[in-house]
């Protein structure tokens, strides 16, 4: 019984440390290669608003402009483009 408790006392922190190290490595590798800055993206999701079952409004930044999109089941429709500080209907 004493041998079992000693093995448990040694292996439990080892398994916990391996789990923590693998999660830490996964988090580091998600942003790109080790030691590099994350890449700049051309498209950025600013905000999303659910408006019904399966329907959403999304504001996406692309090319220095904000685009208002209607997203439905299988469809994406551009509603407006903001290039002057406020949305203009297109």
PDB file of N, CA and C in Angstrom:
ATOM      1  N   UNK A   1       0.828  -1.195   0.000  1.00  0.00           N
ATOM      2  CA  UNK A   1       0.000   0.000   0.000  1.00  0.00           C
ATOM      3  C   UNK A   1       0.871   1.256   0.000  1.00  0.00           C
ATOM      4  N   UNK A   2       1.968   1.226   0.753  1.00  0.00           N
ATOM      5  CA  UNK A   2       2.864   2.370   0.821  1.00  0.00           C
ATOM      6  C   UNK A   2       3.515   2.617  -0.542  1.00  0.00           C
ATOM      7  N   UNK A   3       3.857   1.524  -1.245  1.00  0.00           N
ATOM      8  CA  UNK A   3       4.456   1.654  -2.576  1.00  0.00           C
ATOM      9  C   UNK A   3       3.479   2.316  -3.551  1.00  0.00           C
ATOM     10  N   UNK A   4       2.202   1.954  -3.465  1.00  0.00           N
ATOM     11  CA  UNK A   4       1.179   2.545  -4.325  1.00  0.00           C
ATOM     12  C   UNK A   4       1.057   4.053  -4.068  1.00  0.00           C
ATOM     13  N   UNK A   5       1.039   4.453  -2.819  1.00  0.00           N
ATOM     14  CA  UNK A   5       0.923   5.872  -2.479  1.00  0.00           C
ATOM     15  C   UNK A   5       2.151   6.658  -2.927  1.00  0.00           C
ATOM     16  N   UNK A   6       3.339   6.059  -2.850  1.00  0.00           N
ATOM     17  CA  UNK A   6       4.549   6.736  -3.318  1.00  0.00           C
ATOM     18  C   UNK A   6       4.518   6.927  -4.837  1.00  0.00           C
ATOM     19  N   UNK A   7       4.097   5.904  -5.549  1.00  0.00           N
ATOM     20  CA  UNK A   7       3.984   6.033  -7.004  1.00  0.00           C
ATOM     21  C   UNK A   7       2.953   7.103  -7.385  1.00  0.00           C
ATOM     22  N   UNK A   8       1.843   7.107  -6.673  1.00  0.00           N
ATOM     23  CA  UNK A   8       0.812   8.102  -6.918  1.00  0.00           C
ATOM     24  C   UNK A   8       1.340   9.507  -6.640  1.00  0.00           C
ATOM     25  N   UNK A   9       2.094   9.665  -5.559  1.00  0.00           N
ATOM     26  CA  UNK A   9       2.644  10.973  -5.203  1.00  0.00           C
ATOM     27  C   UNK A   9       3.666  11.449  -6.228  1.00  0.00           C
ATOM     28  N   UNK A  10       4.340  10.538  -6.909  1.00  0.00           N
ATOM     29  CA  UNK A  10       5.309  10.926  -7.934  1.00  0.00           C
ATOM     30  C   UNK A  10       4.668  11.141  -9.298  1.00  0.00           C
ATOM     31  N   UNK A  11       3.736  10.274  -9.675  1.00  0.00           N
ATOM     32  CA  UNK A  11       3.170  10.324 -11.014  1.00  0.00           C
ATOM     33  C   UNK A  11       2.085  11.380 -11.187  1.00  0.00           C
ATOM     34  N   UNK A  12       1.334  11.673 -10.146  1.00  0.00           N
ATOM     35  CA  UNK A  12       0.269  12.651 -10.266  1.00  0.00           C
ATOM     36  C   UNK A  12       0.801  14.044 -10.625  1.00  0.00           C
ATOM     37  N   UNK A  13       1.835  14.567  -9.948  1.00  0.00           N
ATOM     38  CA  UNK A  13       2.377  15.863 -10.383  1.00  0.00           C
ATOM     39  C   UNK A  13       3.022  15.802 -11.771  1.00  0.00           C
ATOM     40  N   UNK A  14       3.605  14.650 -12.123  1.00  0.00           N
ATOM     41  CA  UNK A  14       4.210  14.503 -13.441  1.00  0.00           C
ATOM     42  C   UNK A  14       3.151  14.596 -14.539  1.00  0.00           C
ATOM     43  N   UNK A  15       2.041  13.907 -14.384  1.00  0.00           N
ATOM     44  CA  UNK A  15       0.964  13.957 -15.371  1.00  0.00           C
ATOM     45  C   UNK A  15       0.350  15.359 -15.427  1.00  0.00           C
ATOM     46  N   UNK A  16       0.153  15.990 -14.285  1.00  0.00           N
ATOM     47  CA  UNK A  16      -0.368  17.354 -14.259  1.00  0.00           C
ATOM     48  C   UNK A  16       0.579  18.328 -14.939  1.00  0.00           C
ATOM     49  N   UNK A  17       1.884  18.172 -14.717  1.00  0.00           N
ATOM     50  CA  UNK A  17       2.868  19.036 -15.361  1.00  0.00           C
ATOM     51  C   UNK A  17       2.900  18.844 -16.863  1.00  0.00           C
ATOM     52  N   UNK A  18       2.781  17.599 -17.323  1.00  0.00           N
ATOM     53  CA  UNK A  18       2.737  17.340 -18.761  1.00  0.00           C
ATOM     54  C   UNK A  18       1.484  17.945 -19.399  1.00  0.00           C
ATOM     55  N   UNK A  19       0.353  17.858 -18.710  1.00  0.00           N
ATOM     56  CA  UNK A  19      -0.877  18.454 -19.236  1.00  0.00           C
ATOM     57  C   UNK A  19      -0.734  19.971 -19.322  1.00  0.00           C
ATOM     58  N   UNK A  20      -0.193  20.588 -18.290  1.00  0.00           N
ATOM     59  CA  UNK A  20      -0.001  22.045 -18.291  1.00  0.00           C
ATOM     60  C   UNK A  20       0.965  22.453 -19.407  1.00  0.00           C
ATOM     61  N   UNK A  21       2.066  21.718 -19.574  1.00  0.00           N
ATOM     62  CA  UNK A  21       3.061  22.049 -20.609  1.00  0.00           C
ATOM     63  C   UNK A  21       2.465  21.906 -22.011  1.00  0.00           C
ATOM     64  N   UNK A  22       1.645  20.884 -22.233  1.00  0.00           N
ATOM     65  CA  UNK A  22       1.056  20.721 -23.563  1.00  0.00           C
ATOM     66  C   UNK A  22       0.050  21.835 -23.851  1.00  0.00           C
ATOM     67  N   UNK A  23      -0.730  22.255 -22.875  1.00  0.00           N
ATOM     68  CA  UNK A  23      -1.653  23.377 -23.077  1.00  0.00           C
ATOM     69  C   UNK A  23      -0.898  24.677 -23.314  1.00  0.00           C
ATOM     70  N   UNK A  24       0.194  24.887 -22.608  1.00  0.00           N
ATOM     71  CA  UNK A  24       1.012  26.090 -22.780  1.00  0.00           C
ATOM     72  C   UNK A  24       1.607  26.129 -24.191  1.00  0.00           C
ATOM     73  N   UNK A  25       2.124  24.971 -24.659  1.00  0.00           N
ATOM     74  CA  UNK A  25       2.690  24.916 -26.014  1.00  0.00           C
ATOM     75  C   UNK A  25       1.621  25.132 -27.075  1.00  0.00           C
ATOM     76  N   UNK A  26       0.442  24.551 -26.878  1.00  0.00           N
ATOM     77  CA  UNK A  26      -0.641  24.717 -27.831  1.00  0.00           C
ATOM     78  C   UNK A  26      -1.025  26.191 -27.946  1.00  0.00           C
ATOM     79  N   UNK A  27      -1.107  26.884 -26.808  1.00  0.00           N
ATOM     80  CA  UNK A  27      -1.445  28.301 -26.816  1.00  0.00           C
ATOM     81  C   UNK A  27      -0.373  29.114 -27.539  1.00  0.00           C
ATOM     82  N   UNK A  28       0.883  28.800 -27.319  1.00  0.00           N
ATOM     83  CA  UNK A  28       1.973  29.528 -27.971  1.00  0.00           C
ATOM     84  C   UNK A  28       1.990  29.296 -29.480  1.00  0.00           C
ATOM     85  N   UNK A  29       1.685  28.093 -29.915  1.00  0.00           N
ATOM     86  CA  UNK A  29       1.740  27.759 -31.330  1.00  0.00           C
ATOM     87  C   UNK A  29       0.492  28.204 -32.094  1.00  0.00           C
ATOM     88  N   UNK A  30      -0.577  28.571 -31.392  1.00  0.00           N
ATOM     89  CA  UNK A  30      -1.788  29.030 -32.069  1.00  0.00           C
ATOM     90  C   UNK A  30      -1.567  30.348 -32.795  1.00  0.00           C
ATOM     91  N   UNK A  31      -0.719  31.223 -32.275  1.00  0.00           N
ATOM     92  CA  UNK A  31      -0.522  32.534 -32.884  1.00  0.00           C
ATOM     93  C   UNK A  31       0.530  32.519 -33.984  1.00  0.00           C
ATOM     94  N   UNK A  32       1.062  31.390 -34.333  1.00  0.00           N
ATOM     95  CA  UNK A  32       2.062  31.303 -35.396  1.00  0.00           C
ATOM     96  C   UNK A  32       3.285  30.566 -34.901  1.00  0.00           C
ATOM     97  N   UNK A  33       4.380  30.795 -35.558  1.00  0.00           N
ATOM     98  CA  UNK A  33       5.610  30.125 -35.173  1.00  0.00           C
ATOM     99  C   UNK A  33       6.118  30.652 -33.847  1.00  0.00           C
ATOM    100  N   UNK A  34       6.842  29.818 -33.136  1.00  0.00           N
ATOM    101  CA  UNK A  34       7.372  30.170 -31.827  1.00  0.00           C
ATOM    102  C   UNK A  34       8.279  31.394 -31.926  1.00  0.00           C
ATOM    103  N   UNK A  35       7.991  32.416 -31.123  1.00  0.00           N
ATOM    104  CA  UNK A  35       8.838  33.590 -31.063  1.00  0.00           C
ATOM    105  C   UNK A  35       8.555  34.645 -32.111  1.00  0.00           C
ATOM    106  N   UNK A  36       7.522  34.457 -32.931  1.00  0.00           N
ATOM    107  CA  UNK A  36       7.200  35.469 -33.937  1.00  0.00           C
ATOM    108  C   UNK A  36       5.903  36.171 -33.559  1.00  0.00           C
ATOM    109  N   UNK A  37       5.737  37.370 -34.047  1.00  0.00           N
ATOM    110  CA  UNK A  37       4.520  38.129 -33.787  1.00  0.00           C
ATOM    111  C   UNK A  37       3.384  37.582 -34.642  1.00  0.00           C
ATOM    112  N   UNK A  38       2.134  37.704 -34.162  1.00  0.00           N
ATOM    113  CA  UNK A  38       1.016  37.252 -34.976  1.00  0.00           C
ATOM    114  C   UNK A  38       0.910  38.063 -36.268  1.00  0.00           C
ATOM    115  N   UNK A  39       0.433  37.430 -37.328  1.00  0.00           N
ATOM    116  CA  UNK A  39       0.329  38.082 -38.628  1.00  0.00           C
ATOM    117  C   UNK A  39      -0.769  39.141 -38.607  1.00  0.00           C
ATOM    118  N   UNK A  40      -0.548  40.207 -39.380  1.00  0.00           N
ATOM    119  CA  UNK A  40      -1.581  41.218 -39.552  1.00  0.00           C
ATOM    120  C   UNK A  40      -2.612  40.672 -40.535  1.00  0.00           C
ATOM    121  N   UNK A  41      -3.865  40.772 -40.181  1.00  0.00           N
ATOM    122  CA  UNK A  41      -4.930  40.264 -41.045  1.00  0.00           C
ATOM    123  C   UNK A  41      -5.484  41.383 -41.905  1.00  0.00           C
ATOM    124  N   UNK A  42      -5.909  41.038 -43.104  1.00  0.00           N
ATOM    125  CA  UNK A  42      -6.511  42.004 -44.020  1.00  0.00           C
ATOM    126  C   UNK A  42      -7.973  42.271 -43.675  1.00  0.00           C
ATOM    127  N   UNK A  43      -8.633  41.295 -43.073  1.00  0.00           N
ATOM    128  CA  UNK A  43     -10.048  41.407 -42.723  1.00  0.00           C
ATOM    129  C   UNK A  43     -10.171  41.258 -41.210  1.00  0.00           C
ATOM    130  N   UNK A  44     -10.977  42.141 -40.594  1.00  0.00           N
ATOM    131  CA  UNK A  44     -11.168  42.081 -39.144  1.00  0.00           C
ATOM    132  C   UNK A  44     -12.663  42.151 -38.843  1.00  0.00           C
ATOM    133  N   UNK A  45     -13.159  41.217 -38.042  1.00  0.00           N
ATOM    134  CA  UNK A  45     -14.553  41.214 -37.609  1.00  0.00           C
ATOM    135  C   UNK A  45     -14.683  42.204 -36.461  1.00  0.00           C
ATOM    136  N   UNK A  46     -15.463  43.260 -36.667  1.00  0.00           N
ATOM    137  CA  UNK A  46     -15.611  44.304 -35.659  1.00  0.00           C
ATOM    138  C   UNK A  46     -16.705  43.937 -34.667  1.00  0.00           C
ATOM    139  N   UNK A  47     -17.868  43.569 -35.184  1.00  0.00           N
ATOM    140  CA  UNK A  47     -18.996  43.246 -34.315  1.00  0.00           C
ATOM    141  C   UNK A  47     -19.983  42.369 -35.067  1.00  0.00           C
ATOM    142  N   UNK A  48     -20.718  41.553 -34.319  1.00  0.00           N
ATOM    143  CA  UNK A  48     -21.746  40.706 -34.908  1.00  0.00           C
ATOM    144  C   UNK A  48     -22.968  40.753 -33.998  1.00  0.00           C
ATOM    145  N   UNK A  49     -24.151  40.830 -34.612  1.00  0.00           N
ATOM    146  CA  UNK A  49     -25.394  40.953 -33.858  1.00  0.00           C
ATOM    147  C   UNK A  49     -26.410  39.953 -34.399  1.00  0.00           C
ATOM    148  N   UNK A  50     -26.827  38.980 -33.581  1.00  0.00           N
ATOM    149  CA  UNK A  50     -27.872  38.057 -34.030  1.00  0.00           C
ATOM    150  C   UNK A  50     -29.210  38.798 -34.099  1.00  0.00           C
ATOM    151  N   UNK A  51     -29.945  38.638 -35.203  1.00  0.00           N
ATOM    152  CA  UNK A  51     -31.231  39.320 -35.357  1.00  0.00           C
ATOM    153  C   UNK A  51     -32.392  38.348 -35.510  1.00  0.00           C
ATOM    154  N   UNK A  52     -32.128  37.091 -35.478  1.00  0.00           N
ATOM    155  CA  UNK A  52     -33.187  36.089 -35.591  1.00  0.00           C
ATOM    156  C   UNK A  52     -32.569  34.718 -35.695  1.00  0.00           C
ATOM    157  N   UNK A  53     -33.400  33.726 -35.893  1.00  0.00           N
ATOM    158  CA  UNK A  53     -32.909  32.362 -36.016  1.00  0.00           C
ATOM    159  C   UNK A  53     -32.114  32.213 -37.306  1.00  0.00           C
ATOM    160  N   UNK A  54     -30.819  32.029 -37.191  1.00  0.00           N
ATOM    161  CA  UNK A  54     -29.966  31.842 -38.351  1.00  0.00           C
ATOM    162  C   UNK A  54     -29.609  33.116 -39.098  1.00  0.00           C
ATOM    163  N   UNK A  55     -29.989  34.281 -38.590  1.00  0.00           N
ATOM    164  CA  UNK A  55     -29.684  35.550 -39.257  1.00  0.00           C
ATOM    165  C   UNK A  55     -28.850  36.442 -38.342  1.00  0.00           C
ATOM    166  N   UNK A  56     -27.897  37.140 -38.943  1.00  0.00           N
ATOM    167  CA  UNK A  56     -27.008  38.006 -38.173  1.00  0.00           C
ATOM    168  C   UNK A  56     -26.660  39.230 -38.992  1.00  0.00           C
ATOM    169  N   UNK A  57     -26.320  40.300 -38.311  1.00  0.00           N
ATOM    170  CA  UNK A  57     -25.711  41.463 -38.936  1.00  0.00           C
ATOM    171  C   UNK A  57     -24.268  41.496 -38.467  1.00  0.00           C
ATOM    172  N   UNK A  58     -23.343  41.746 -39.390  1.00  0.00           N
ATOM    173  CA  UNK A  58     -21.927  41.767 -39.038  1.00  0.00           C
ATOM    174  C   UNK A  58     -21.290  43.014 -39.614  1.00  0.00           C
ATOM    175  N   UNK A  59     -20.383  43.605 -38.832  1.00  0.00           N
ATOM    176  CA  UNK A  59     -19.573  44.719 -39.309  1.00  0.00           C
ATOM    177  C   UNK A  59     -18.158  44.185 -39.470  1.00  0.00           C
ATOM    178  N   UNK A  60     -17.634  44.298 -40.696  1.00  0.00           N
ATOM    179  CA  UNK A  60     -16.318  43.774 -41.034  1.00  0.00           C
ATOM    180  C   UNK A  60     -15.471  44.924 -41.560  1.00  0.00           C
ATOM    181  N   UNK A  61     -14.231  45.022 -41.077  1.00  0.00           N
ATOM    182  CA  UNK A  61     -13.307  46.038 -41.587  1.00  0.00           C
ATOM    183  C   UNK A  61     -12.438  45.411 -42.669  1.00  0.00           C
ATOM    184  N   UNK A  62     -12.418  46.053 -43.841  1.00  0.00           N
ATOM    185  CA  UNK A  62     -11.620  45.574 -44.956  1.00  0.00           C
ATOM    186  C   UNK A  62     -11.174  46.770 -45.785  1.00  0.00           C
ATOM    187  N   UNK A  63      -9.903  46.876 -46.047  1.00  0.00           N
ATOM    188  CA  UNK A  63      -9.375  47.959 -46.864  1.00  0.00           C
ATOM    189  C   UNK A  63      -9.598  49.334 -46.260  1.00  0.00           C
ATOM    190  N   UNK A  64      -9.590  49.431 -44.945  1.00  0.00           N
ATOM    191  CA  UNK A  64      -9.795  50.705 -44.274  1.00  0.00           C
ATOM    192  C   UNK A  64     -11.246  51.155 -44.237  1.00  0.00           C
ATOM    193  N   UNK A  65     -12.155  50.314 -44.693  1.00  0.00           N
ATOM    194  CA  UNK A  65     -13.575  50.649 -44.700  1.00  0.00           C
ATOM    195  C   UNK A  65     -14.341  49.634 -43.864  1.00  0.00           C
ATOM    196  N   UNK A  66     -15.462  50.074 -43.306  1.00  0.00           N
ATOM    197  CA  UNK A  66     -16.342  49.182 -42.568  1.00  0.00           C
ATOM    198  C   UNK A  66     -17.474  48.747 -43.483  1.00  0.00           C
ATOM    199  N   UNK A  67     -17.740  47.450 -43.505  1.00  0.00           N
ATOM    200  CA  UNK A  67     -18.793  46.875 -44.339  1.00  0.00           C
ATOM    201  C   UNK A  67     -19.846  46.256 -43.430  1.00  0.00           C
ATOM    202  N   UNK A  68     -21.110  46.613 -43.641  1.00  0.00           N
ATOM    203  CA  UNK A  68     -22.219  46.014 -42.910  1.00  0.00           C
ATOM    204  C   UNK A  68     -22.778  44.885 -43.769  1.00  0.00           C
ATOM    205  N   UNK A  69     -22.771  43.672 -43.208  1.00  0.00           N
ATOM    206  CA  UNK A  69     -23.203  42.480 -43.950  1.00  0.00           C
ATOM    207  C   UNK A  69     -24.400  41.840 -43.265  1.00  0.00           C
ATOM    208  N   UNK A  70     -25.338  41.355 -44.050  1.00  0.00           N
ATOM    209  CA  UNK A  70     -26.446  40.536 -43.557  1.00  0.00           C
ATOM    210  C   UNK A  70     -26.088  39.092 -43.851  1.00  0.00           C
ATOM    211  N   UNK A  71     -26.081  38.270 -42.811  1.00  0.00           N
ATOM    212  CA  UNK A  71     -25.699  36.871 -42.945  1.00  0.00           C
ATOM    213  C   UNK A  71     -26.910  36.015 -42.616  1.00  0.00           C
ATOM    214  N   UNK A  72     -27.320  35.197 -43.569  1.00  0.00           N
ATOM    215  CA  UNK A  72     -28.438  34.279 -43.382  1.00  0.00           C
ATOM    216  C   UNK A  72     -27.985  32.865 -43.665  1.00  0.00           C
ATOM    217  N   UNK A  73     -28.918  31.969 -43.717  1.00  0.00           N
ATOM    218  CA  UNK A  73     -28.577  30.570 -43.989  1.00  0.00           C
ATOM    219  C   UNK A  73     -28.133  30.435 -45.444  1.00  0.00           C
ATOM    220  N   UNK A  74     -26.836  30.316 -45.642  1.00  0.00           N
ATOM    221  CA  UNK A  74     -26.294  30.123 -46.972  1.00  0.00           C
ATOM    222  C   UNK A  74     -26.132  31.395 -47.792  1.00  0.00           C
ATOM    223  N   UNK A  75     -26.392  32.568 -47.217  1.00  0.00           N
ATOM    224  CA  UNK A  75     -26.262  33.812 -47.976  1.00  0.00           C
ATOM    225  C   UNK A  75     -25.523  34.876 -47.167  1.00  0.00           C
ATOM    226  N   UNK A  76     -24.796  35.706 -47.868  1.00  0.00           N
ATOM    227  CA  UNK A  76     -24.152  36.886 -47.285  1.00  0.00           C
ATOM    228  C   UNK A  76     -24.446  38.042 -48.230  1.00  0.00           C
ATOM    229  N   UNK A  77     -25.048  39.118 -47.706  1.00  0.00           N
ATOM    230  CA  UNK A  77     -25.432  40.260 -48.524  1.00  0.00           C
ATOM    231  C   UNK A  77     -24.818  41.523 -47.938  1.00  0.00           C
ATOM    232  N   UNK A  78     -24.134  42.303 -48.786  1.00  0.00           N
ATOM    233  CA  UNK A  78     -23.581  43.586 -48.355  1.00  0.00           C
ATOM    234  C   UNK A  78     -24.713  44.597 -48.289  1.00  0.00           C
ATOM    235  N   UNK A  79     -24.851  45.257 -47.139  1.00  0.00           N
ATOM    236  CA  UNK A  79     -25.917  46.232 -46.952  1.00  0.00           C
ATOM    237  C   UNK A  79     -25.392  47.652 -47.105  1.00  0.00           C
ATOM    238  N   UNK A  80     -24.253  47.939 -46.471  1.00  0.00           N
ATOM    239  CA  UNK A  80     -23.728  49.301 -46.518  1.00  0.00           C
ATOM    240  C   UNK A  80     -22.218  49.275 -46.359  1.00  0.00           C
ATOM    241  N   UNK A  81     -21.580  50.361 -46.844  1.00  0.00           N
ATOM    242  CA  UNK A  81     -20.128  50.536 -46.718  1.00  0.00           C
ATOM    243  C   UNK A  81     -19.870  51.881 -46.048  1.00  0.00           C
ATOM    244  N   UNK A  82     -19.013  51.872 -45.029  1.00  0.00           N
ATOM    245  CA  UNK A  82     -18.676  53.088 -44.304  1.00  0.00           C
ATOM    246  C   UNK A  82     -17.290  53.535 -44.732  1.00  0.00           C
ATOM    247  N   UNK A  83     -17.206  54.598 -45.534  1.00  0.00           N
ATOM    248  CA  UNK A  83     -15.892  55.118 -45.920  1.00  0.00           C
ATOM    249  C   UNK A  83     -15.754  56.594 -45.560  1.00  0.00           C
ATOM    250  N   UNK A  84     -16.802  57.186 -44.968  1.00  0.00           N
ATOM    251  CA  UNK A  84     -16.748  58.597 -44.608  1.00  0.00           C
ATOM    252  C   UNK A  84     -17.091  58.853 -43.149  1.00  0.00           C
ATOM    253  N   UNK A  85     -17.161  57.826 -42.311  1.00  0.00           N
ATOM    254  CA  UNK A  85     -17.452  58.037 -40.901  1.00  0.00           C
ATOM    255  C   UNK A  85     -18.850  57.626 -40.501  1.00  0.00           C
ATOM    256  N   UNK A  86     -19.760  57.449 -41.471  1.00  0.00           N
ATOM    257  CA  UNK A  86     -21.085  56.935 -41.169  1.00  0.00           C
ATOM    258  C   UNK A  86     -21.526  56.025 -42.310  1.00  0.00           C
ATOM    259  N   UNK A  87     -22.427  55.122 -41.995  1.00  0.00           N
ATOM    260  CA  UNK A  87     -22.855  54.163 -43.009  1.00  0.00           C
ATOM    261  C   UNK A  87     -23.761  54.823 -44.034  1.00  0.00           C
ATOM    262  N   UNK A  88     -23.535  54.500 -45.295  1.00  0.00           N
ATOM    263  CA  UNK A  88     -24.382  54.942 -46.410  1.00  0.00           C
ATOM    264  C   UNK A  88     -25.010  53.696 -47.011  1.00  0.00           C
ATOM    265  N   UNK A  89     -26.312  53.710 -47.193  1.00  0.00           N
ATOM    266  CA  UNK A  89     -26.975  52.551 -47.804  1.00  0.00           C
ATOM    267  C   UNK A  89     -26.518  52.409 -49.247  1.00  0.00           C
ATOM    268  N   UNK A  90     -26.243  51.165 -49.646  1.00  0.00           N
ATOM    269  CA  UNK A  90     -25.779  50.937 -51.032  1.00  0.00           C
ATOM    270  C   UNK A  90     -26.876  50.339 -51.867  1.00  0.00           C
TER     271      UNK A  90
END
